[in-house]
Every structure is written in structure tokens, then in C-alpha cells.
Amino acid sequence: MASNRHLGRMLALQTLYEYEFRVQLEDKWADAGEILKRNLERYKSSVDDTRFVERLIAGVLKYQEQLDESLRPLAPEWPLEQISRIDRTVLRLGLYELLFSEDKVPYKVVINEAVELAKAFGSDNSGKFVNGVLGTAYRTLVEESDGKDTKSTDI
């Protein structure tokens, strides 16, 4: 069975994926909170830390424009709009955790979790692609700005 946080990230991914899909279709009733509520109901016996999932979704939505602008130069051969929706959503989740999350998660765990999500829900190459982009994001956006690894000391 997946860990509680892994399952939480899966629910966040599914919620954000559906929300973006519905918004792109101009569904005026698209509501990330309602989508999350429905998804959490399905897994209520398995997810204890619903606040973690809520924070991930709220954070990605709040910082989505900034996340997207940060992702663009990390994969210059792949315009963000041409990256599959699932890979784009996984990248946003991972980058949000690396840059903005209040939860102190080691960067290796963040990247590994994103890679596992990409492998589970994306294409054959999604895991490698996500690993490369988030690895570059860590080195260029986190390590260089901090001068050291600030997230890898706490679990």
C-alpha cells in the first residue's frame, strides 16, 4: 500500500489534472475544492493527512503562473503547452514542493515522488523527463539560491 503522503500526492495530482482539464474546456462549474472533496471521499479510509493534500493543491494553484515561468527555461526544447497535461501537473507539484512548500521534505524525496507519479500516470519517458527537469530545478533554483541544501536535513 502506498504511504499516506504518496497517496496524498496522487490525489493532488488527480485533482489538479481534472481541474485543469475542465477549465481548459471552459467548464464554468470547475471547482478544485469540489473535485478534491469528491476524490478524498473515495479514499477517506486511507488518507489521514487531508491538510497536506489541500496545501499542495492550494499552493500549486496559487503559484501556478510562477511555477510555469520557472519551468519554461528548464526544458527549453519542450514548450510547456506541448508537455502532456499529466507531466506538466507532476512538474508543477514537484516544483511547488521544492520551492514553496511549508512541509520540510528532503529534495530527493520530492523528486523521487514526482518521478513515481510520472511513471504511474504518464508515458514511458515521463519518469526520466520529470527527473531531469526537477533535478535541474533543484540545482538551479534551490541550491544556487540557498547556497546549500536546506530541505534535505529534515524528514
Protein backbone atom coordinates (compact mmCIF):
# COMPACT_ATOMS: atom_id res chain seq x y z
CA MET A 1 0.00 0.00 0.00
CA ALA A 2 1.20 3.49 -0.81
CA SER A 3 2.29 5.71 2.05
CA ASN A 4 -0.19 8.29 3.26
CA ARG A 5 1.80 11.16 1.71
CA HIS A 6 2.30 9.29 -1.56
CA LEU A 7 -1.43 8.68 -1.78
CA GLY A 8 -1.97 12.35 -0.89
CA ARG A 9 0.25 13.41 -3.78
CA MET A 10 -1.68 11.07 -6.07
CA LEU A 11 -4.95 12.70 -5.01
CA ALA A 12 -3.47 16.17 -5.50
CA LEU A 13 -2.29 15.16 -8.97
CA GLN A 14 -5.69 13.73 -9.92
CA THR A 15 -7.49 16.80 -8.60
CA LEU A 16 -5.22 19.29 -10.36
CA TYR A 17 -5.34 17.28 -13.59
CA GLU A 18 -9.14 17.18 -13.64
CA TYR A 19 -9.40 20.84 -12.66
CA GLU A 20 -7.07 21.99 -15.46
CA PHE A 21 -8.89 19.77 -17.96
CA ARG A 22 -12.27 21.21 -17.02
CA VAL A 23 -11.02 24.80 -17.00
CA GLN A 24 -9.49 24.30 -20.44
CA LEU A 25 -12.90 23.08 -21.65
CA GLU A 26 -14.39 26.28 -20.20
CA ASP A 27 -16.45 24.36 -17.64
CA LYS A 28 -17.84 27.21 -15.56
CA TRP A 29 -18.55 24.80 -12.70
CA ALA A 30 -14.96 23.61 -12.40
CA ASP A 31 -14.06 23.92 -8.72
CA ALA A 32 -10.83 22.42 -7.39
CA GLY A 33 -12.30 22.25 -3.88
CA GLU A 34 -15.29 20.21 -5.03
CA ILE A 35 -13.10 17.91 -7.11
CA LEU A 36 -10.82 17.36 -4.12
CA LYS A 37 -13.79 16.72 -1.83
CA ARG A 38 -15.05 14.02 -4.20
CA ASN A 39 -11.58 12.47 -4.53
CA LEU A 40 -11.00 12.48 -0.77
CA GLU A 41 -14.36 10.81 -0.22
CA ARG A 42 -13.18 7.86 -2.32
CA TYR A 43 -10.04 7.39 -0.21
CA LYS A 44 -11.25 8.59 3.19
CA SER A 45 -10.17 5.37 4.92
CA SER A 46 -6.62 5.63 3.51
CA VAL A 47 -5.75 9.33 3.77
CA ASP A 48 -5.19 10.70 7.25
CA ASP A 49 -3.45 13.97 6.40
CA THR A 50 -6.02 15.74 4.24
CA ARG A 51 -4.44 19.12 5.09
CA PHE A 52 -1.28 18.03 3.27
CA VAL A 53 -3.30 17.36 0.11
CA GLU A 54 -5.22 20.63 0.47
CA ARG A 55 -1.97 22.60 0.92
CA LEU A 56 -0.44 21.01 -2.17
CA ILE A 57 -3.44 21.87 -4.34
CA ALA A 58 -3.85 25.37 -2.96
CA GLY A 59 -0.13 26.03 -3.32
CA VAL A 60 0.11 24.82 -6.90
CA LEU A 61 -2.93 26.88 -7.88
CA LYS A 62 -1.66 29.97 -6.04
CA TYR A 63 1.82 29.81 -7.57
CA GLN A 64 0.92 28.22 -10.93
CA GLU A 65 1.99 31.19 -13.03
CA GLN A 66 5.31 31.47 -11.20
CA LEU A 67 5.83 27.69 -11.38
CA ASP A 68 5.17 27.71 -15.12
CA GLU A 69 7.59 30.60 -15.68
CA SER A 70 10.23 28.74 -13.67
CA LEU A 71 9.65 25.53 -15.65
CA ARG A 72 9.93 27.11 -19.12
CA PRO A 73 13.74 27.56 -19.15
CA LEU A 74 14.30 24.16 -17.51
CA ALA A 75 13.04 22.28 -20.57
CA PRO A 76 13.57 24.75 -23.43
CA GLU A 77 13.06 22.14 -26.16
CA TRP A 78 9.62 21.38 -24.74
CA PRO A 79 7.26 24.36 -24.60
CA LEU A 80 5.11 23.99 -21.50
CA GLU A 81 1.94 23.93 -23.57
CA GLN A 82 3.28 20.93 -25.52
CA ILE A 83 4.17 18.89 -22.45
CA SER A 84 1.43 16.38 -21.65
CA ARG A 85 -1.06 17.59 -19.06
CA ILE A 86 -0.07 14.81 -16.65
CA ASP A 87 3.67 15.56 -16.90
CA ARG A 88 3.03 19.29 -16.59
CA THR A 89 0.93 18.72 -13.48
CA VAL A 90 3.55 16.42 -11.92
CA LEU A 91 6.23 19.04 -12.63
CA ARG A 92 4.14 21.77 -11.01
CA LEU A 93 3.56 19.63 -7.93
CA GLY A 94 7.23 18.73 -7.59
CA LEU A 95 8.44 22.26 -8.21
CA TYR A 96 5.93 23.64 -5.73
CA GLU A 97 7.26 21.28 -3.07
CA LEU A 98 10.85 22.22 -3.89
CA LEU A 99 10.28 25.97 -3.85
CA PHE A 100 7.31 26.86 -1.67
CA SER A 101 6.05 24.02 0.49
CA GLU A 102 5.94 24.62 4.23
CA ASP A 103 6.46 20.89 4.75
CA LYS A 104 10.13 20.09 5.18
CA VAL A 105 10.57 17.26 2.70
CA PRO A 106 14.07 16.30 1.52
CA TYR A 107 14.58 17.29 -2.11
CA LYS A 108 15.45 13.69 -3.05
CA VAL A 109 12.09 12.53 -1.70
CA VAL A 110 10.24 15.28 -3.59
CA ILE A 111 11.93 14.36 -6.86
CA ASN A 112 11.51 10.61 -6.31
CA GLU A 113 7.81 11.03 -5.52
CA ALA A 114 7.31 13.11 -8.68
CA VAL A 115 9.16 10.52 -10.75
CA GLU A 116 6.99 7.73 -9.32
CA LEU A 117 3.83 9.68 -10.13
CA ALA A 118 5.08 10.32 -13.65
CA LYS A 119 5.88 6.63 -14.14
CA ALA A 120 2.48 5.58 -12.80
CA PHE A 121 0.35 8.06 -14.74
CA GLY A 122 2.49 9.33 -17.63
CA SER A 123 4.11 7.82 -20.69
CA ASP A 124 7.14 5.53 -20.89
CA ASN A 125 9.53 8.50 -20.85
CA SER A 126 7.72 10.60 -18.26
CA GLY A 127 9.79 9.42 -15.30
CA LYS A 128 13.10 10.31 -16.94
CA PHE A 129 11.76 13.63 -18.18
CA VAL A 130 10.40 14.65 -14.76
CA ASN A 131 13.60 13.51 -13.05
CA GLY A 132 15.72 15.61 -15.43
CA VAL A 133 13.61 18.75 -15.16
CA LEU A 134 13.22 18.63 -11.37
CA GLY A 135 16.89 17.74 -10.89
CA THR A 136 17.81 20.81 -12.91
CA ALA A 137 15.25 22.86 -10.97
CA TYR A 138 16.81 21.80 -7.70
CA ARG A 139 20.34 22.62 -8.84
CA THR A 140 19.48 25.96 -10.45
CA LEU A 141 16.58 27.29 -8.38
CA VAL A 142 17.08 25.83 -4.91
CA GLU A 143 20.76 25.02 -4.45
CA GLU A 144 22.06 28.20 -6.07
CA SER A 145 19.63 30.44 -4.20
CA ASP A 146 20.30 28.80 -0.84
CA GLY A 147 23.95 28.08 -1.30
CA LYS A 148 23.25 24.73 0.33
CA ASP A 149 20.58 22.05 0.68
CA THR A 150 18.15 23.34 3.27
CA LYS A 151 15.41 20.72 2.84
CA SER A 152 17.44 17.53 2.99
CA THR A 153 18.17 17.69 6.72
CA ASP A 154 14.57 17.31 7.94
CA ILE A 155 12.21 14.45 7.32
